[in-house]
C-alpha atoms as a PDB file:
ATOM      1  CA  ASP A   1     136.731  38.530  44.573  1.00  0.00           C
ATOM      2  CA  TYR A   2     140.009  36.502  44.876  1.00  0.00           C
ATOM      3  CA  GLU A   3     138.888  34.229  42.149  1.00  0.00           C
ATOM      4  CA  GLY A   4     138.390  37.184  39.742  1.00  0.00           C
ATOM      5  CA  ARG A   5     134.614  37.523  39.699  1.00  0.00           C
ATOM      6  CA  ALA A   6     132.973  40.932  39.226  1.00  0.00           C
ATOM      7  CA  TYR A   7     129.898  41.925  41.178  1.00  0.00           C
ATOM      8  CA  ARG A   8     127.256  44.637  41.107  1.00  0.00           C
ATOM      9  CA  CYS A   9     125.291  45.199  44.330  1.00  0.00           C
ATOM     10  CA  ARG A  10     122.556  47.591  45.207  1.00  0.00           C
ATOM     11  CA  LEU A  11     123.725  50.652  47.087  1.00  0.00           C
ATOM     12  CA  GLU A  12     120.546  50.682  49.229  1.00  0.00           C
ATOM     13  CA  ASP A  13     120.783  47.276  50.786  1.00  0.00           C
ATOM     14  CA  GLY A  14     123.895  45.478  49.324  1.00  0.00           C
ATOM     15  CA  SER A  15     121.801  42.887  47.632  1.00  0.00           C
ATOM     16  CA  LEU A  16     123.249  41.282  44.485  1.00  0.00           C
ATOM     17  CA  VAL A  17     122.314  42.605  41.036  1.00  0.00           C
ATOM     18  CA  TRP A  18     124.674  40.424  39.140  1.00  0.00           C
ATOM     19  CA  LYS A  19     127.978  38.513  39.428  1.00  0.00           C
ATOM     20  CA  ASN A  20     130.050  37.211  36.516  1.00  0.00           C
ATOM     21  CA  GLY A  21     133.414  35.793  35.504  1.00  0.00           C
ATOM     22  CA  GLY A  22     136.297  34.436  37.527  1.00  0.00           C
ATOM     23  CA  VAL A  23     137.565  30.914  37.677  1.00  0.00           C
ATOM     24  CA  LYS A  24     136.679  28.611  40.562  1.00  0.00           C
ATOM     25  CA  GLY A  25     139.632  27.437  42.544  1.00  0.00           C
ATOM     26  CA  SER A  26     141.845  30.215  41.256  1.00  0.00           C
ATOM     27  CA  TRP A  27     143.304  33.181  43.062  1.00  0.00           C
ATOM     28  CA  THR A  28     144.465  36.759  42.150  1.00  0.00           C
ATOM     29  CA  ASP A  29     145.537  39.899  43.940  1.00  0.00           C
ATOM     30  CA  GLY A  30     143.722  41.793  41.160  1.00  0.00           C
ATOM     31  CA  THR A  31     140.536  43.663  41.672  1.00  0.00           C
ATOM     32  CA  SER A  32     137.755  45.104  39.530  1.00  0.00           C
ATOM     33  CA  LEU A  33     137.424  48.601  38.183  1.00  0.00           C
ATOM     34  CA  LEU A  34     134.412  50.571  37.041  1.00  0.00           C
ATOM     35  CA  GLY A  35     135.182  52.671  33.926  1.00  0.00           C
ATOM     36  CA  PRO A  36     133.724  55.991  32.961  1.00  0.00           C
ATOM     37  CA  ASN A  37     132.071  54.057  30.106  1.00  0.00           C
ATOM     38  CA  ASN A  38     129.791  52.081  32.448  1.00  0.00           C
ATOM     39  CA  VAL A  39     131.947  48.885  31.940  1.00  0.00           C
ATOM     40  CA  VAL A  40     133.308  46.831  34.811  1.00  0.00           C
ATOM     41  CA  TYR A  41     136.811  45.423  34.260  1.00  0.00           C
ATOM     42  CA  ALA A  42     137.994  42.398  36.174  1.00  0.00           C
ATOM     43  CA  VAL A  43     141.039  40.148  36.095  1.00  0.00           C
ATOM     44  CA  ASN A  44     141.507  36.509  36.876  1.00  0.00           C
ATOM     45  CA  ASN A  45     144.102  33.765  36.790  1.00  0.00           C
ATOM     46  CA  ARG A  46     143.220  30.479  35.130  1.00  0.00           C
ATOM     47  CA  ASP A  47     144.030  28.117  38.006  1.00  0.00           C
ATOM     48  CA  GLY A  48     145.151  28.009  41.612  1.00  0.00           C
ATOM     49  CA  ALA A  49     148.686  26.747  40.833  1.00  0.00           C
ATOM     50  CA  GLY A  50     149.795  29.906  39.140  1.00  0.00           C
ATOM     51  CA  GLY A  51     153.459  30.409  38.212  1.00  0.00           C
ATOM     52  CA  ARG A  52     155.553  32.566  35.904  1.00  0.00           C
ATOM     53  CA  ASP A  53     153.807  31.666  32.663  1.00  0.00           C
ATOM     54  CA  ALA A  54     150.350  30.793  33.931  1.00  0.00           C
ATOM     55  CA  PRO A  55     147.937  32.723  31.768  1.00  0.00           C
ATOM     56  CA  GLY A  56     145.131  34.904  33.030  1.00  0.00           C
ATOM     57  CA  ASP A  57     142.344  37.020  31.674  1.00  0.00           C
ATOM     58  CA  VAL A  58     141.261  40.656  31.564  1.00  0.00           C
ATOM     59  CA  SER A  59     137.497  40.873  31.075  1.00  0.00           C
ATOM     60  CA  ALA A  60     134.957  43.556  30.478  1.00  0.00           C
ATOM     61  CA  TYR A  61     131.302  43.395  31.720  1.00  0.00           C
ATOM     62  CA  ARG A  62     128.406  45.727  31.006  1.00  0.00           C
ATOM     63  CA  LEU A  63     127.506  47.456  34.219  1.00  0.00           C
ATOM     64  CA  GLU A  64     123.719  47.312  33.519  1.00  0.00           C
ATOM     65  CA  ASP A  65     123.453  43.499  33.484  1.00  0.00           C
ATOM     66  CA  GLY A  66     126.861  42.005  33.810  1.00  0.00           C
ATOM     67  CA  LYS A  67     126.996  40.641  30.208  1.00  0.00           C
ATOM     68  CA  LEU A  68     130.565  39.673  29.153  1.00  0.00           C
ATOM     69  CA  LEU A  69     131.653  42.278  26.427  1.00  0.00           C
ATOM     70  CA  TRP A  70     135.092  40.815  25.876  1.00  0.00           C
ATOM     71  CA  ARG A  71     137.864  38.700  27.437  1.00  0.00           C
ATOM     72  CA  THR A  72     141.545  38.987  26.529  1.00  0.00           C
ATOM     73  CA  GLU A  73     144.085  36.345  27.585  1.00  0.00           C
ATOM     74  CA  VAL A  74     147.387  37.552  28.972  1.00  0.00           C
ATOM     75  CA  PRO A  75     150.398  35.199  29.167  1.00  0.00           C
ATOM     76  CA  ARG A  76     151.111  35.781  32.875  1.00  0.00           C
ATOM     77  CA  PRO A  77     149.012  36.344  36.047  1.00  0.00           C
ATOM     78  CA  PRO A  78     147.260  39.757  36.054  1.00  0.00           C
ATOM     79  CA  ASN A  79     147.916  40.261  39.707  1.00  0.00           C
ATOM     80  CA  ASN A  80     146.850  43.794  40.233  1.00  0.00           C
ATOM     81  CA  LEU A  81     144.235  46.515  39.634  1.00  0.00           C
ATOM     82  CA  PRO A  82     144.108  47.920  36.089  1.00  0.00           C
ATOM     83  CA  ALA A  83     143.752  51.606  35.178  1.00  0.00           C
ATOM     84  CA  ILE A  84     141.486  53.158  32.575  1.00  0.00           C
ATOM     85  CA  GLY A  85     141.942  56.436  30.697  1.00  0.00           C
ATOM     86  CA  GLN A  86     142.860  58.377  27.637  1.00  0.00           C
ATOM     87  CA  LEU A  87     146.540  57.814  26.756  1.00  0.00           C
ATOM     88  CA  ALA A  88     148.660  60.282  24.932  1.00  0.00           C
ATOM     89  CA  GLY A  89     148.606  59.752  21.215  1.00  0.00           C
ATOM     90  CA  ILE A  90     146.012  56.999  21.314  1.00  0.00           C
ATOM     91  CA  PRO A  91     142.346  57.649  20.514  1.00  0.00           C
ATOM     92  CA  GLY A  92     139.616  56.325  22.872  1.00  0.00           C
ATOM     93  CA  LEU A  93     139.908  54.767  26.295  1.00  0.00           C
ATOM     94  CA  SER A  94     142.772  52.405  27.099  1.00  0.00           C
ATOM     95  CA  LEU A  95     143.093  49.872  29.886  1.00  0.00           C
ATOM     96  CA  VAL A  96     146.498  49.445  31.451  1.00  0.00           C
ATOM     97  CA  GLN A  97     147.377  46.175  33.232  1.00  0.00           C
ATOM     98  CA  GLY A  98     150.578  44.983  34.778  1.00  0.00           C
ATOM     99  CA  ILE A  99     151.212  41.203  34.658  1.00  0.00           C
ATOM    100  CA  GLY A 100     153.604  38.802  36.180  1.00  0.00           C
ATOM    101  CA  GLN A 101     154.054  36.338  39.038  1.00  0.00           C
ATOM    102  CA  GLN A 102     156.119  37.511  42.052  1.00  0.00           C
ATOM    103  CA  CYS A 103     158.257  35.503  44.424  1.00  0.00           C
ATOM    104  CA  ALA A 104     160.638  33.557  42.068  1.00  0.00           C
ATOM    105  CA  GLN A 105     163.997  34.623  40.633  1.00  0.00           C
ATOM    106  CA  GLY A 106     163.784  35.084  36.833  1.00  0.00           C
ATOM    107  CA  ASN A 107     160.006  35.633  36.610  1.00  0.00           C
ATOM    108  CA  PRO A 108     159.269  38.046  33.727  1.00  0.00           C
ATOM    109  CA  THR A 109     156.952  41.089  34.138  1.00  0.00           C
ATOM    110  CA  ASP A 110     155.088  43.014  31.419  1.00  0.00           C
ATOM    111  CA  VAL A 111     152.602  45.880  31.069  1.00  0.00           C
ATOM    112  CA  TYR A 112     149.736  45.418  28.649  1.00  0.00           C
ATOM    113  CA  VAL A 113     147.640  48.340  27.208  1.00  0.00           C
ATOM    114  CA  LEU A 114     144.320  47.251  25.770  1.00  0.00           C
ATOM    115  CA  ASP A 115     141.500  49.032  23.910  1.00  0.00           C
ATOM    116  CA  ALA A 116     139.037  49.417  26.646  1.00  0.00           C
ATOM    117  CA  GLU A 117     136.038  49.055  24.233  1.00  0.00           C
ATOM    118  CA  GLN A 118     137.271  46.048  22.270  1.00  0.00           C
ATOM    119  CA  GLY A 119     139.928  44.361  24.359  1.00  0.00           C
ATOM    120  CA  THR A 120     142.465  44.286  21.572  1.00  0.00           C
ATOM    121  CA  ILE A 121     146.158  44.782  22.482  1.00  0.00           C
ATOM    122  CA  ARG A 122     147.454  48.279  21.748  1.00  0.00           C
ATOM    123  CA  TRP A 123     150.926  47.830  22.997  1.00  0.00           C
ATOM    124  CA  ILE A 124     153.129  45.751  25.404  1.00  0.00           C
ATOM    125  CA  PHE A 125     156.023  46.754  27.468  1.00  0.00           C
ATOM    126  CA  ASN A 126     158.307  43.776  28.351  1.00  0.00           C
ATOM    127  CA  GLY A 127     159.504  44.681  31.891  1.00  0.00           C
ATOM    128  CA  PRO A 128     162.354  43.317  33.893  1.00  0.00           C
ATOM    129  CA  SER A 129     162.667  39.891  35.359  1.00  0.00           C
ATOM    130  CA  GLN A 130     162.937  39.428  39.114  1.00  0.00           C
ATOM    131  CA  LYS A 131     166.626  39.456  39.826  1.00  0.00           C
ATOM    132  CA  LEU A 132     166.768  37.737  43.221  1.00  0.00           C
ATOM    133  CA  ASP A 133     164.735  35.149  45.121  1.00  0.00           C
ATOM    134  CA  LEU A 134     162.702  38.015  46.582  1.00  0.00           C
ATOM    135  CA  GLN A 135     161.688  41.358  45.315  1.00  0.00           C
ATOM    136  CA  ALA A 136     163.882  44.420  45.827  1.00  0.00           C
ATOM    137  CA  GLY A 137     162.484  45.559  49.174  1.00  0.00           C
ATOM    138  CA  ASP A 138     162.126  42.087  50.545  1.00  0.00           C
ATOM    139  CA  ALA A 139     165.590  40.944  49.607  1.00  0.00           C
ATOM    140  CA  ASN A 140     167.034  43.747  51.847  1.00  0.00           C
ATOM    141  CA  PRO A 141     167.885  42.273  55.329  1.00  0.00           C
ATOM    142  CA  VAL A 142     167.911  45.703  56.950  1.00  0.00           C
ATOM    143  CA  ALA A 143     164.361  46.297  55.720  1.00  0.00           C
ATOM    144  CA  GLN A 144     163.305  42.911  56.930  1.00  0.00           C
ATOM    145  CA  TRP A 145     164.805  43.699  60.374  1.00  0.00           C
ATOM    146  CA  GLN A 146     163.090  47.041  60.586  1.00  0.00           C
ATOM    147  CA  ARG A 147     159.777  45.551  59.716  1.00  0.00           C
ATOM    148  CA  GLN A 148     160.127  42.955  62.461  1.00  0.00           C
ATOM    149  CA  LEU A 149     161.068  45.669  64.943  1.00  0.00           C
ATOM    150  CA  ALA A 150     157.823  47.532  63.960  1.00  0.00           C
ATOM    151  CA  GLY A 151     155.725  44.439  64.519  1.00  0.00           C
ATOM    152  CA  VAL A 152     155.167  43.868  60.764  1.00  0.00           C
ATOM    153  CA  ARG A 153     156.001  40.620  58.898  1.00  0.00           C
ATOM    154  CA  ALA A 154     159.512  40.685  57.585  1.00  0.00           C
ATOM    155  CA  ILE A 155     158.708  39.708  54.024  1.00  0.00           C
ATOM    156  CA  THR A 156     155.740  41.366  52.167  1.00  0.00           C
ATOM    157  CA  LEU A 157     155.836  39.497  48.759  1.00  0.00           C
ATOM    158  CA  PRO A 158     154.514  42.488  46.736  1.00  0.00           C
ATOM    159  CA  ASN A 159     153.010  42.229  43.326  1.00  0.00           C
ATOM    160  CA  PRO A 160     155.327  42.661  40.275  1.00  0.00           C
ATOM    161  CA  TRP A 161     153.744  45.987  39.423  1.00  0.00           C
ATOM    162  CA  SER A 162     151.968  48.664  41.457  1.00  0.00           C
ATOM    163  CA  ALA A 163     148.548  49.784  40.362  1.00  0.00           C
ATOM    164  CA  PRO A 164     149.004  51.955  37.320  1.00  0.00           C
ATOM    165  CA  THR A 165     148.032  55.608  37.262  1.00  0.00           C
ATOM    166  CA  ILE A 166     147.108  57.676  34.164  1.00  0.00           C
ATOM    167  CA  ASP A 167     147.585  61.438  34.500  1.00  0.00           C
ATOM    168  CA  SER A 168     145.611  64.194  32.652  1.00  0.00           C
ATOM    169  CA  ASN A 169     148.201  64.286  29.881  1.00  0.00           C
ATOM    170  CA  GLY A 170     147.713  60.603  29.145  1.00  0.00           C
ATOM    171  CA  VAL A 171     151.008  59.457  30.727  1.00  0.00           C
ATOM    172  CA  VAL A 172     151.058  56.167  32.487  1.00  0.00           C
ATOM    173  CA  PHE A 173     153.017  55.798  35.750  1.00  0.00           C
ATOM    174  CA  ILE A 174     153.697  52.412  37.290  1.00  0.00           C
ATOM    175  CA  GLY A 175     156.201  51.009  39.729  1.00  0.00           C
ATOM    176  CA  ASN A 176     158.029  47.573  39.458  1.00  0.00           C
ATOM    177  CA  GLU A 177     159.065  45.044  42.119  1.00  0.00           C
ATOM    178  CA  GLU A 178     162.683  45.684  41.073  1.00  0.00           C
ATOM    179  CA  GLY A 179     162.599  49.182  42.481  1.00  0.00           C
ATOM    180  CA  MET A 180     162.054  50.970  39.214  1.00  0.00           C
ATOM    181  CA  PHE A 181     159.423  53.655  38.629  1.00  0.00           C
ATOM    182  CA  LEU A 182     158.317  53.824  34.924  1.00  0.00           C
ATOM    183  CA  PHE A 183     156.309  56.277  32.989  1.00  0.00           C
ATOM    184  CA  PHE A 184     155.080  55.788  29.505  1.00  0.00           C
ATOM    185  CA  GLY A 185     154.124  58.640  27.224  1.00  0.00           C
ATOM    186  CA  ARG A 186     153.096  58.736  23.548  1.00  0.00           C
ATOM    187  CA  LEU A 187     152.544  55.254  22.144  1.00  0.00           C
ATOM    188  CA  GLY A 188     154.345  53.415  24.923  1.00  0.00           C
ATOM    189  CA  ARG A 189     157.699  55.192  24.762  1.00  0.00           C
ATOM    190  CA  GLN A 190     159.260  54.506  28.176  1.00  0.00           C
ATOM    191  CA  ARG A 191     161.408  56.338  30.687  1.00  0.00           C
ATOM    192  CA  HIS A 192     162.324  55.087  34.084  1.00  0.00           C
ATOM    193  CA  ARG A 193     163.930  56.042  37.383  1.00  0.00           C
ATOM    194  CA  SER A 194     165.423  53.648  39.890  1.00  0.00           C
END
């Protein structure tokens, strides 16, 4: 949910099996993810105020009973869905999580890769900081005008990172609010296209 809790419900009737985690009064755009290892991963921010350096958590819960397996603090809000998979050159499953707070000039962004079984940090990519008061697409007055003509709100305030994707070769693909599309191959070596 928007406070970062993870849930397991019965498919037959939607009744609750368990819920765990989250921080009351907080808010996140992030969502939970069920891994192929029967672990539910969820993200939360620590408080409702947020901000560029407001820490958050990435947590892992056992699917069977919701028991917390690990929790890793990240230094900025984890405001998106993580991805899980086998990364090139790294044994075992990895969890990829973009972090950062949108909507303010100078806010930094990062991508964290965690060991999906232990929660330890495997590598970090320090991404770009937000250049303008608004993200790349929102700062464009023509795009704002076109949205208004289409009956859509002019400013969308997107997350700093898109949801990451891991391909069958273990390469991570992720988009950034500054208009960059990045991909990471073996051990976090980065390439990008604007």
